[in-house]
Amino acid sequence: MNTKENKIILIKYLKEIKINHELTQQQLGKMIEMPQPRLSLLLNAKRLDDFKIDLILFRLEKIGVTIDLNFNGEIRKSPIKIDNNFLNRKVNEVKIEKSIEI
């Protein structure tokens, strides 16, 4: 698997989080500390060369998504782990902020 394919897999996780938690791009951007226009480019896989894989990983980590890079010879279903409690707290924070703004 090459770097571009790995980036696309990570972007897929961001998209799933956005959809599953009914977030706007602005809300997700706030959670991962990325401006909405830049997040739009990322989510639409435009100009992927502008996004280094470590930047995507760093942004995912801000919402509780981590990659287990410890390899001990076992084949695992997925090295990607999501701390759902942490993610849900972050989602609730941005949704509460939006309701306060209204």
PDB file of N, CA and C in Angstrom:
ATOM      1  N   MET A   1       0.852  -1.175   0.000  1.00  0.00           N
ATOM      2  CA  MET A   1       0.000   0.000   0.000  1.00  0.00           C
ATOM      3  C   MET A   1       0.899   1.240   0.000  1.00  0.00           C
ATOM      4  N   ASN A   2       0.590   2.202  -0.846  1.00  0.00           N
ATOM      5  CA  ASN A   2       1.418   3.401  -0.907  1.00  0.00           C
ATOM      6  C   ASN A   2       0.848   4.521  -0.032  1.00  0.00           C
ATOM      7  N   THR A   3       1.589   5.594   0.044  1.00  0.00           N
ATOM      8  CA  THR A   3       1.207   6.706   0.921  1.00  0.00           C
ATOM      9  C   THR A   3      -0.142   7.295   0.539  1.00  0.00           C
ATOM     10  N   LYS A   4      -0.409   7.441  -0.748  1.00  0.00           N
ATOM     11  CA  LYS A   4      -1.688   8.017  -1.188  1.00  0.00           C
ATOM     12  C   LYS A   4      -2.848   7.138  -0.722  1.00  0.00           C
ATOM     13  N   GLU A   5      -2.704   5.827  -0.851  1.00  0.00           N
ATOM     14  CA  GLU A   5      -3.764   4.924  -0.404  1.00  0.00           C
ATOM     15  C   GLU A   5      -3.962   5.016   1.103  1.00  0.00           C
ATOM     16  N   ASN A   6      -2.870   5.145   1.843  1.00  0.00           N
ATOM     17  CA  ASN A   6      -2.968   5.289   3.304  1.00  0.00           C
ATOM     18  C   ASN A   6      -3.686   6.585   3.680  1.00  0.00           C
ATOM     19  N   LYS A   7      -3.377   7.653   2.967  1.00  0.00           N
ATOM     20  CA  LYS A   7      -4.056   8.929   3.229  1.00  0.00           C
ATOM     21  C   LYS A   7      -5.555   8.787   2.990  1.00  0.00           C
ATOM     22  N   ILE A   8      -5.917   8.120   1.914  1.00  0.00           N
ATOM     23  CA  ILE A   8      -7.333   7.951   1.574  1.00  0.00           C
ATOM     24  C   ILE A   8      -8.054   7.147   2.658  1.00  0.00           C
ATOM     25  N   ILE A   9      -7.398   6.145   3.207  1.00  0.00           N
ATOM     26  CA  ILE A   9      -7.999   5.364   4.306  1.00  0.00           C
ATOM     27  C   ILE A   9      -8.236   6.256   5.519  1.00  0.00           C
ATOM     28  N   LEU A  10      -7.266   7.088   5.862  1.00  0.00           N
ATOM     29  CA  LEU A  10      -7.418   7.982   7.011  1.00  0.00           C
ATOM     30  C   LEU A  10      -8.509   9.021   6.768  1.00  0.00           C
ATOM     31  N   ILE A  11      -8.586   9.529   5.552  1.00  0.00           N
ATOM     32  CA  ILE A  11      -9.644  10.484   5.202  1.00  0.00           C
ATOM     33  C   ILE A  11     -11.008   9.827   5.336  1.00  0.00           C
ATOM     34  N   LYS A  12     -11.084   8.558   4.966  1.00  0.00           N
ATOM     35  CA  LYS A  12     -12.344   7.822   5.098  1.00  0.00           C
ATOM     36  C   LYS A  12     -12.814   7.819   6.554  1.00  0.00           C
ATOM     37  N   TYR A  13     -11.889   7.662   7.498  1.00  0.00           N
ATOM     38  CA  TYR A  13     -12.262   7.709   8.914  1.00  0.00           C
ATOM     39  C   TYR A  13     -12.807   9.081   9.288  1.00  0.00           C
ATOM     40  N   LEU A  14     -12.173  10.139   8.795  1.00  0.00           N
ATOM     41  CA  LEU A  14     -12.686  11.491   9.075  1.00  0.00           C
ATOM     42  C   LEU A  14     -14.095  11.662   8.524  1.00  0.00           C
ATOM     43  N   LYS A  15     -14.304  11.196   7.306  1.00  0.00           N
ATOM     44  CA  LYS A  15     -15.637  11.313   6.695  1.00  0.00           C
ATOM     45  C   LYS A  15     -16.675  10.533   7.496  1.00  0.00           C
ATOM     46  N   GLU A  16     -16.323   9.331   7.931  1.00  0.00           N
ATOM     47  CA  GLU A  16     -17.263   8.523   8.716  1.00  0.00           C
ATOM     48  C   GLU A  16     -17.613   9.212  10.026  1.00  0.00           C
ATOM     49  N   ILE A  17     -16.635   9.799  10.672  1.00  0.00           N
ATOM     50  CA  ILE A  17     -16.881  10.520  11.926  1.00  0.00           C
ATOM     51  C   ILE A  17     -17.814  11.696  11.663  1.00  0.00           C
ATOM     52  N   LYS A  18     -17.552  12.435  10.583  1.00  0.00           N
ATOM     53  CA  LYS A  18     -18.392  13.585  10.233  1.00  0.00           C
ATOM     54  C   LYS A  18     -19.839  13.149  10.010  1.00  0.00           C
ATOM     55  N   ILE A  19     -20.016  12.077   9.251  1.00  0.00           N
ATOM     56  CA  ILE A  19     -21.368  11.600   8.928  1.00  0.00           C
ATOM     57  C   ILE A  19     -22.043  10.984  10.155  1.00  0.00           C
ATOM     58  N   ASN A  20     -21.345  10.098  10.844  1.00  0.00           N
ATOM     59  CA  ASN A  20     -21.940   9.384  11.983  1.00  0.00           C
ATOM     60  C   ASN A  20     -22.340  10.310  13.124  1.00  0.00           C
ATOM     61  N   HIS A  21     -21.628  11.422  13.267  1.00  0.00           N
ATOM     62  CA  HIS A  21     -21.920  12.352  14.357  1.00  0.00           C
ATOM     63  C   HIS A  21     -22.649  13.599  13.865  1.00  0.00           C
ATOM     64  N   GLU A  22     -23.053  13.572  12.590  1.00  0.00           N
ATOM     65  CA  GLU A  22     -23.818  14.673  11.991  1.00  0.00           C
ATOM     66  C   GLU A  22     -23.143  16.021  12.222  1.00  0.00           C
ATOM     67  N   LEU A  23     -21.863  16.067  11.860  1.00  0.00           N
ATOM     68  CA  LEU A  23     -21.074  17.284  12.024  1.00  0.00           C
ATOM     69  C   LEU A  23     -21.006  18.056  10.717  1.00  0.00           C
ATOM     70  N   THR A  24     -20.927  19.354  10.826  1.00  0.00           N
ATOM     71  CA  THR A  24     -20.629  20.169   9.648  1.00  0.00           C
ATOM     72  C   THR A  24     -19.117  20.157   9.462  1.00  0.00           C
ATOM     73  N   GLN A  25     -18.667  20.576   8.301  1.00  0.00           N
ATOM     74  CA  GLN A  25     -17.227  20.693   8.094  1.00  0.00           C
ATOM     75  C   GLN A  25     -16.624  21.689   9.070  1.00  0.00           C
ATOM     76  N   GLN A  26     -17.363  22.737   9.357  1.00  0.00           N
ATOM     77  CA  GLN A  26     -16.863  23.745  10.293  1.00  0.00           C
ATOM     78  C   GLN A  26     -16.680  23.134  11.687  1.00  0.00           C
ATOM     79  N   GLN A  27     -17.635  22.329  12.128  1.00  0.00           N
ATOM     80  CA  GLN A  27     -17.523  21.695  13.447  1.00  0.00           C
ATOM     81  C   GLN A  27     -16.358  20.706  13.489  1.00  0.00           C
ATOM     82  N   LEU A  28     -16.252  19.874  12.458  1.00  0.00           N
ATOM     83  CA  LEU A  28     -15.147  18.919  12.411  1.00  0.00           C
ATOM     84  C   LEU A  28     -13.816  19.656  12.334  1.00  0.00           C
ATOM     85  N   GLY A  29     -13.781  20.709  11.551  1.00  0.00           N
ATOM     86  CA  GLY A  29     -12.566  21.514  11.451  1.00  0.00           C
ATOM     87  C   GLY A  29     -12.145  22.082  12.789  1.00  0.00           C
ATOM     88  N   LYS A  30     -13.121  22.531  13.551  1.00  0.00           N
ATOM     89  CA  LYS A  30     -12.814  23.061  14.883  1.00  0.00           C
ATOM     90  C   LYS A  30     -12.247  21.964  15.776  1.00  0.00           C
ATOM     91  N   MET A  31     -12.822  20.771  15.682  1.00  0.00           N
ATOM     92  CA  MET A  31     -12.366  19.651  16.506  1.00  0.00           C
ATOM     93  C   MET A  31     -10.929  19.254  16.183  1.00  0.00           C
ATOM     94  N   ILE A  32     -10.565  19.287  14.910  1.00  0.00           N
ATOM     95  CA  ILE A  32      -9.213  18.865  14.536  1.00  0.00           C
ATOM     96  C   ILE A  32      -8.284  20.053  14.291  1.00  0.00           C
ATOM     97  N   GLU A  33      -8.790  21.246  14.592  1.00  0.00           N
ATOM     98  CA  GLU A  33      -8.019  22.485  14.464  1.00  0.00           C
ATOM     99  C   GLU A  33      -7.501  22.691  13.042  1.00  0.00           C
ATOM    100  N   MET A  34      -8.447  22.614  12.100  1.00  0.00           N
ATOM    101  CA  MET A  34      -8.123  22.840  10.690  1.00  0.00           C
ATOM    102  C   MET A  34      -9.215  23.727  10.105  1.00  0.00           C
ATOM    103  N   PRO A  35      -8.847  24.810   9.428  1.00  0.00           N
ATOM    104  CA  PRO A  35      -9.856  25.689   8.831  1.00  0.00           C
ATOM    105  C   PRO A  35     -10.744  24.916   7.844  1.00  0.00           C
ATOM    106  N   GLN A  36     -12.015  25.282   7.792  1.00  0.00           N
ATOM    107  CA  GLN A  36     -12.980  24.568   6.957  1.00  0.00           C
ATOM    108  C   GLN A  36     -12.565  24.474   5.491  1.00  0.00           C
ATOM    109  N   PRO A  37     -12.046  25.544   4.874  1.00  0.00           N
ATOM    110  CA  PRO A  37     -11.675  25.399   3.461  1.00  0.00           C
ATOM    111  C   PRO A  37     -10.593  24.329   3.241  1.00  0.00           C
ATOM    112  N   ARG A  38      -9.636  24.278   4.150  1.00  0.00           N
ATOM    113  CA  ARG A  38      -8.566  23.274   4.041  1.00  0.00           C
ATOM    114  C   ARG A  38      -9.122  21.873   4.316  1.00  0.00           C
ATOM    115  N   LEU A  39     -10.020  21.766   5.295  1.00  0.00           N
ATOM    116  CA  LEU A  39     -10.647  20.481   5.591  1.00  0.00           C
ATOM    117  C   LEU A  39     -11.444  19.989   4.382  1.00  0.00           C
ATOM    118  N   SER A  40     -12.114  20.902   3.690  1.00  0.00           N
ATOM    119  CA  SER A  40     -12.874  20.535   2.501  1.00  0.00           C
ATOM    120  C   SER A  40     -11.962  19.910   1.449  1.00  0.00           C
ATOM    121  N   LEU A  41     -10.796  20.507   1.250  1.00  0.00           N
ATOM    122  CA  LEU A  41      -9.832  19.939   0.300  1.00  0.00           C
ATOM    123  C   LEU A  41      -9.425  18.528   0.727  1.00  0.00           C
ATOM    124  N   LEU A  42      -9.197  18.358   2.016  1.00  0.00           N
ATOM    125  CA  LEU A  42      -8.784  17.056   2.530  1.00  0.00           C
ATOM    126  C   LEU A  42      -9.901  16.024   2.362  1.00  0.00           C
ATOM    127  N   LEU A  43     -11.104  16.361   2.795  1.00  0.00           N
ATOM    128  CA  LEU A  43     -12.209  15.409   2.730  1.00  0.00           C
ATOM    129  C   LEU A  43     -12.564  15.025   1.295  1.00  0.00           C
ATOM    130  N   ASN A  44     -12.343  15.936   0.367  1.00  0.00           N
ATOM    131  CA  ASN A  44     -12.629  15.651  -1.033  1.00  0.00           C
ATOM    132  C   ASN A  44     -11.409  15.104  -1.769  1.00  0.00           C
ATOM    133  N   ALA A  45     -10.354  14.815  -1.004  1.00  0.00           N
ATOM    134  CA  ALA A  45      -9.114  14.242  -1.542  1.00  0.00           C
ATOM    135  C   ALA A  45      -8.555  15.064  -2.703  1.00  0.00           C
ATOM    136  N   LYS A  46      -8.678  16.374  -2.566  1.00  0.00           N
ATOM    137  CA  LYS A  46      -8.111  17.268  -3.579  1.00  0.00           C
ATOM    138  C   LYS A  46      -6.718  17.687  -3.106  1.00  0.00           C
ATOM    139  N   ARG A  47      -5.815  17.758  -4.007  1.00  0.00           N
ATOM    140  CA  ARG A  47      -4.443  18.182  -3.700  1.00  0.00           C
ATOM    141  C   ARG A  47      -3.859  17.367  -2.539  1.00  0.00           C
ATOM    142  N   LEU A  48      -3.990  16.061  -2.612  1.00  0.00           N
ATOM    143  CA  LEU A  48      -3.504  15.191  -1.536  1.00  0.00           C
ATOM    144  C   LEU A  48      -2.023  15.397  -1.247  1.00  0.00           C
ATOM    145  N   ASP A  49      -1.276  15.804  -2.264  1.00  0.00           N
ATOM    146  CA  ASP A  49       0.154  16.028  -2.049  1.00  0.00           C
ATOM    147  C   ASP A  49       0.411  17.166  -1.060  1.00  0.00           C
ATOM    148  N   ASP A  50      -0.577  18.038  -0.873  1.00  0.00           N
ATOM    149  CA  ASP A  50      -0.431  19.147   0.078  1.00  0.00           C
ATOM    150  C   ASP A  50      -0.552  18.676   1.532  1.00  0.00           C
ATOM    151  N   PHE A  51      -1.022  17.447   1.736  1.00  0.00           N
ATOM    152  CA  PHE A  51      -1.254  16.933   3.081  1.00  0.00           C
ATOM    153  C   PHE A  51      -0.310  15.775   3.360  1.00  0.00           C
ATOM    154  N   LYS A  52       0.597  15.991   4.281  1.00  0.00           N
ATOM    155  CA  LYS A  52       1.504  14.917   4.674  1.00  0.00           C
ATOM    156  C   LYS A  52       0.751  13.956   5.589  1.00  0.00           C
ATOM    157  N   ILE A  53       1.113  12.704   5.530  1.00  0.00           N
ATOM    158  CA  ILE A  53       0.398  11.697   6.304  1.00  0.00           C
ATOM    159  C   ILE A  53       0.506  11.961   7.804  1.00  0.00           C
ATOM    160  N   ASP A  54       1.661  12.493   8.254  1.00  0.00           N
ATOM    161  CA  ASP A  54       1.789  12.768   9.683  1.00  0.00           C
ATOM    162  C   ASP A  54       0.862  13.898  10.122  1.00  0.00           C
ATOM    163  N   LEU A  55       0.563  14.847   9.232  1.00  0.00           N
ATOM    164  CA  LEU A  55      -0.398  15.909   9.561  1.00  0.00           C
ATOM    165  C   LEU A  55      -1.791  15.316   9.744  1.00  0.00           C
ATOM    166  N   ILE A  56      -2.179  14.412   8.849  1.00  0.00           N
ATOM    167  CA  ILE A  56      -3.495  13.782   8.956  1.00  0.00           C
ATOM    168  C   ILE A  56      -3.578  12.976  10.252  1.00  0.00           C
ATOM    169  N   LEU A  57      -2.523  12.238  10.562  1.00  0.00           N
ATOM    170  CA  LEU A  57      -2.502  11.457  11.814  1.00  0.00           C
ATOM    171  C   LEU A  57      -2.598  12.364  13.029  1.00  0.00           C
ATOM    172  N   PHE A  58      -1.882  13.485  12.996  1.00  0.00           N
ATOM    173  CA  PHE A  58      -1.891  14.443  14.107  1.00  0.00           C
ATOM    174  C   PHE A  58      -3.300  14.997  14.318  1.00  0.00           C
ATOM    175  N   ARG A  59      -3.994  15.311  13.224  1.00  0.00           N
ATOM    176  CA  ARG A  59      -5.355  15.843  13.325  1.00  0.00           C
ATOM    177  C   ARG A  59      -6.324  14.785  13.844  1.00  0.00           C
ATOM    178  N   LEU A  60      -6.165  13.545  13.390  1.00  0.00           N
ATOM    179  CA  LEU A  60      -7.019  12.461  13.880  1.00  0.00           C
ATOM    180  C   LEU A  60      -6.817  12.232  15.375  1.00  0.00           C
ATOM    181  N   GLU A  61      -5.579  12.361  15.812  1.00  0.00           N
ATOM    182  CA  GLU A  61      -5.277  12.156  17.228  1.00  0.00           C
ATOM    183  C   GLU A  61      -6.020  13.167  18.104  1.00  0.00           C
ATOM    184  N   LYS A  62      -6.275  14.343  17.586  1.00  0.00           N
ATOM    185  CA  LYS A  62      -6.988  15.380  18.343  1.00  0.00           C
ATOM    186  C   LYS A  62      -8.422  14.989  18.683  1.00  0.00           C
ATOM    187  N   ILE A  63      -8.963  13.986  17.965  1.00  0.00           N
ATOM    188  CA  ILE A  63     -10.327  13.533  18.245  1.00  0.00           C
ATOM    189  C   ILE A  63     -10.362  12.084  18.726  1.00  0.00           C
ATOM    190  N   GLY A  64      -9.217  11.588  19.175  1.00  0.00           N
ATOM    191  CA  GLY A  64      -9.195  10.267  19.797  1.00  0.00           C
ATOM    192  C   GLY A  64      -8.961   9.098  18.863  1.00  0.00           C
ATOM    193  N   VAL A  65      -8.515   9.361  17.641  1.00  0.00           N
ATOM    194  CA  VAL A  65      -8.214   8.287  16.698  1.00  0.00           C
ATOM    195  C   VAL A  65      -6.700   8.097  16.681  1.00  0.00           C
ATOM    196  N   THR A  66      -6.255   6.901  16.975  1.00  0.00           N
ATOM    197  CA  THR A  66      -4.823   6.620  16.991  1.00  0.00           C
ATOM    198  C   THR A  66      -4.515   5.402  16.126  1.00  0.00           C
ATOM    199  N   ILE A  67      -3.275   5.311  15.735  1.00  0.00           N
ATOM    200  CA  ILE A  67      -2.800   4.184  14.941  1.00  0.00           C
ATOM    201  C   ILE A  67      -1.791   3.427  15.797  1.00  0.00           C
ATOM    202  N   ASP A  68      -2.020   2.134  15.965  1.00  0.00           N
ATOM    203  CA  ASP A  68      -1.104   1.293  16.719  1.00  0.00           C
ATOM    204  C   ASP A  68      -0.020   0.800  15.771  1.00  0.00           C
ATOM    205  N   LEU A  69       1.166   1.347  15.909  1.00  0.00           N
ATOM    206  CA  LEU A  69       2.266   0.979  15.024  1.00  0.00           C
ATOM    207  C   LEU A  69       3.147  -0.124  15.608  1.00  0.00           C
ATOM    208  N   ASN A  70       2.791  -0.640  16.771  1.00  0.00           N
ATOM    209  CA  ASN A  70       3.548  -1.745  17.357  1.00  0.00           C
ATOM    210  C   ASN A  70       3.262  -3.005  16.566  1.00  0.00           C
ATOM    211  N   PHE A  71       4.296  -3.543  16.000  1.00  0.00           N
ATOM    212  CA  PHE A  71       4.120  -4.750  15.194  1.00  0.00           C
ATOM    213  C   PHE A  71       4.885  -5.883  15.850  1.00  0.00           C
ATOM    214  N   ASN A  72       4.168  -6.925  16.228  1.00  0.00           N
ATOM    215  CA  ASN A  72       4.817  -8.064  16.863  1.00  0.00           C
ATOM    216  C   ASN A  72       4.601  -9.344  16.060  1.00  0.00           C
ATOM    217  N   GLY A  73       4.325  -9.186  14.791  1.00  0.00           N
ATOM    218  CA  GLY A  73       4.135 -10.346  13.934  1.00  0.00           C
ATOM    219  C   GLY A  73       2.694 -10.798  13.803  1.00  0.00           C
ATOM    220  N   GLU A  74       1.817 -10.273  14.649  1.00  0.00           N
ATOM    221  CA  GLU A  74       0.408 -10.645  14.563  1.00  0.00           C
ATOM    222  C   GLU A  74      -0.276  -9.861  13.453  1.00  0.00           C
ATOM    223  N   ILE A  75      -1.175 -10.528  12.794  1.00  0.00           N
ATOM    224  CA  ILE A  75      -1.983  -9.825  11.802  1.00  0.00           C
ATOM    225  C   ILE A  75      -3.268  -9.405  12.499  1.00  0.00           C
ATOM    226  N   ARG A  76      -3.512  -8.101  12.507  1.00  0.00           N
ATOM    227  CA  ARG A  76      -4.701  -7.568  13.168  1.00  0.00           C
ATOM    228  C   ARG A  76      -5.695  -7.120  12.128  1.00  0.00           C
ATOM    229  N   LYS A  77      -6.933  -7.076  12.568  1.00  0.00           N
ATOM    230  CA  LYS A  77      -7.980  -6.604  11.661  1.00  0.00           C
ATOM    231  C   LYS A  77      -7.704  -5.156  11.269  1.00  0.00           C
ATOM    232  N   SER A  78      -7.427  -4.303  12.232  1.00  0.00           N
ATOM    233  CA  SER A  78      -7.141  -2.900  11.937  1.00  0.00           C
ATOM    234  C   SER A  78      -6.266  -2.308  13.029  1.00  0.00           C
ATOM    235  N   PRO A  79      -5.215  -1.611  12.635  1.00  0.00           N
ATOM    236  CA  PRO A  79      -4.373  -0.948  13.633  1.00  0.00           C
ATOM    237  C   PRO A  79      -4.960   0.381  14.102  1.00  0.00           C
ATOM    238  N   ILE A  80      -6.092   0.784  13.507  1.00  0.00           N
ATOM    239  CA  ILE A  80      -6.702   2.072  13.849  1.00  0.00           C
ATOM    240  C   ILE A  80      -7.637   1.887  15.031  1.00  0.00           C
ATOM    241  N   LYS A  81      -7.414   2.668  16.063  1.00  0.00           N
ATOM    242  CA  LYS A  81      -8.217   2.611  17.282  1.00  0.00           C
ATOM    243  C   LYS A  81      -8.916   3.961  17.466  1.00  0.00           C
ATOM    244  N   ILE A  82     -10.165   3.903  17.883  1.00  0.00           N
ATOM    245  CA  ILE A  82     -10.924   5.130  18.143  1.00  0.00           C
ATOM    246  C   ILE A  82     -11.355   5.126  19.601  1.00  0.00           C
ATOM    247  N   ASP A  83     -10.966   6.170  20.317  1.00  0.00           N
ATOM    248  CA  ASP A  83     -11.416   6.359  21.694  1.00  0.00           C
ATOM    249  C   ASP A  83     -12.777   7.047  21.613  1.00  0.00           C
ATOM    250  N   ASN A  84     -13.823   6.253  21.592  1.00  0.00           N
ATOM    251  CA  ASN A  84     -15.174   6.794  21.386  1.00  0.00           C
ATOM    252  C   ASN A  84     -15.604   7.745  22.489  1.00  0.00           C
ATOM    253  N   ASN A  85     -15.197   7.508  23.721  1.00  0.00           N
ATOM    254  CA  ASN A  85     -15.556   8.429  24.802  1.00  0.00           C
ATOM    255  C   ASN A  85     -14.968   9.811  24.546  1.00  0.00           C
ATOM    256  N   PHE A  86     -13.682   9.843  24.183  1.00  0.00           N
ATOM    257  CA  PHE A  86     -13.024  11.112  23.898  1.00  0.00           C
ATOM    258  C   PHE A  86     -13.670  11.783  22.686  1.00  0.00           C
ATOM    259  N   LEU A  87     -13.905  11.010  21.633  1.00  0.00           N
ATOM    260  CA  LEU A  87     -14.526  11.544  20.426  1.00  0.00           C
ATOM    261  C   LEU A  87     -15.903  12.121  20.737  1.00  0.00           C
ATOM    262  N   ASN A  88     -16.710  11.398  21.491  1.00  0.00           N
ATOM    263  CA  ASN A  88     -18.049  11.885  21.831  1.00  0.00           C
ATOM    264  C   ASN A  88     -18.003  13.173  22.649  1.00  0.00           C
ATOM    265  N   ARG A  89     -17.027  13.294  23.545  1.00  0.00           N
ATOM    266  CA  ARG A  89     -16.884  14.544  24.312  1.00  0.00           C
ATOM    267  C   ARG A  89     -16.571  15.706  23.372  1.00  0.00           C
ATOM    268  N   LYS A  90     -15.666  15.476  22.419  1.00  0.00           N
ATOM    269  CA  LYS A  90     -15.305  16.538  21.478  1.00  0.00           C
ATOM    270  C   LYS A  90     -16.510  16.927  20.617  1.00  0.00           C
ATOM    271  N   VAL A  91     -17.270  15.929  20.157  1.00  0.00           N
ATOM    272  CA  VAL A  91     -18.472  16.200  19.355  1.00  0.00           C
ATOM    273  C   VAL A  91     -19.453  17.022  20.170  1.00  0.00           C
ATOM    274  N   ASN A  92     -19.698  16.634  21.399  1.00  0.00           N
ATOM    275  CA  ASN A  92     -20.635  17.375  22.249  1.00  0.00           C
ATOM    276  C   ASN A  92     -20.169  18.803  22.478  1.00  0.00           C
ATOM    277  N   GLU A  93     -18.866  19.014  22.635  1.00  0.00           N
ATOM    278  CA  GLU A  93     -18.339  20.369  22.834  1.00  0.00           C
ATOM    279  C   GLU A  93     -18.674  21.270  21.654  1.00  0.00           C
ATOM    280  N   VAL A  94     -18.437  20.787  20.426  1.00  0.00           N
ATOM    281  CA  VAL A  94     -18.695  21.659  19.269  1.00  0.00           C
ATOM    282  C   VAL A  94     -20.178  21.841  19.034  1.00  0.00           C
ATOM    283  N   LYS A  95     -20.979  20.836  19.360  1.00  0.00           N
ATOM    284  CA  LYS A  95     -22.426  20.979  19.183  1.00  0.00           C
ATOM    285  C   LYS A  95     -23.005  21.933  20.217  1.00  0.00           C
ATOM    286  N   ILE A  96     -22.492  21.906  21.425  1.00  0.00           N
ATOM    287  CA  ILE A  96     -22.941  22.843  22.460  1.00  0.00           C
ATOM    288  C   ILE A  96     -22.558  24.272  22.066  1.00  0.00           C
ATOM    289  N   GLU A  97     -21.335  24.441  21.550  1.00  0.00           N
ATOM    290  CA  GLU A  97     -20.906  25.772  21.103  1.00  0.00           C
ATOM    291  C   GLU A  97     -21.830  26.310  20.027  1.00  0.00           C
ATOM    292  N   LYS A  98     -22.237  25.456  19.103  1.00  0.00           N
ATOM    293  CA  LYS A  98     -23.124  25.904  18.020  1.00  0.00           C
ATOM    294  C   LYS A  98     -24.480  26.320  18.588  1.00  0.00           C
ATOM    295  N   SER A  99     -25.013  25.561  19.547  1.00  0.00           N
ATOM    296  CA  SER A  99     -26.318  25.910  20.101  1.00  0.00           C
ATOM    297  C   SER A  99     -26.247  27.213  20.909  1.00  0.00           C
ATOM    298  N   ILE A 100     -25.114  27.476  21.513  1.00  0.00           N
ATOM    299  CA  ILE A 100     -24.949  28.732  22.273  1.00  0.00           C
ATOM    300  C   ILE A 100     -24.896  29.919  21.307  1.00  0.00           C
ATOM    301  N   GLU A 101     -24.265  29.732  20.122  1.00  0.00           N
ATOM    302  CA  GLU A 101     -24.154  30.801  19.137  1.00  0.00           C
ATOM    303  C   GLU A 101     -25.506  31.200  18.560  1.00  0.00           C
ATOM    304  N   ILE A 102     -26.427  30.255  18.493  1.00  0.00           N
ATOM    305  CA  ILE A 102     -27.730  30.513  17.867  1.00  0.00           C
ATOM    306  C   ILE A 102     -28.607  31.367  18.703  1.00  0.00           C
TER     307      ILE A 102
END
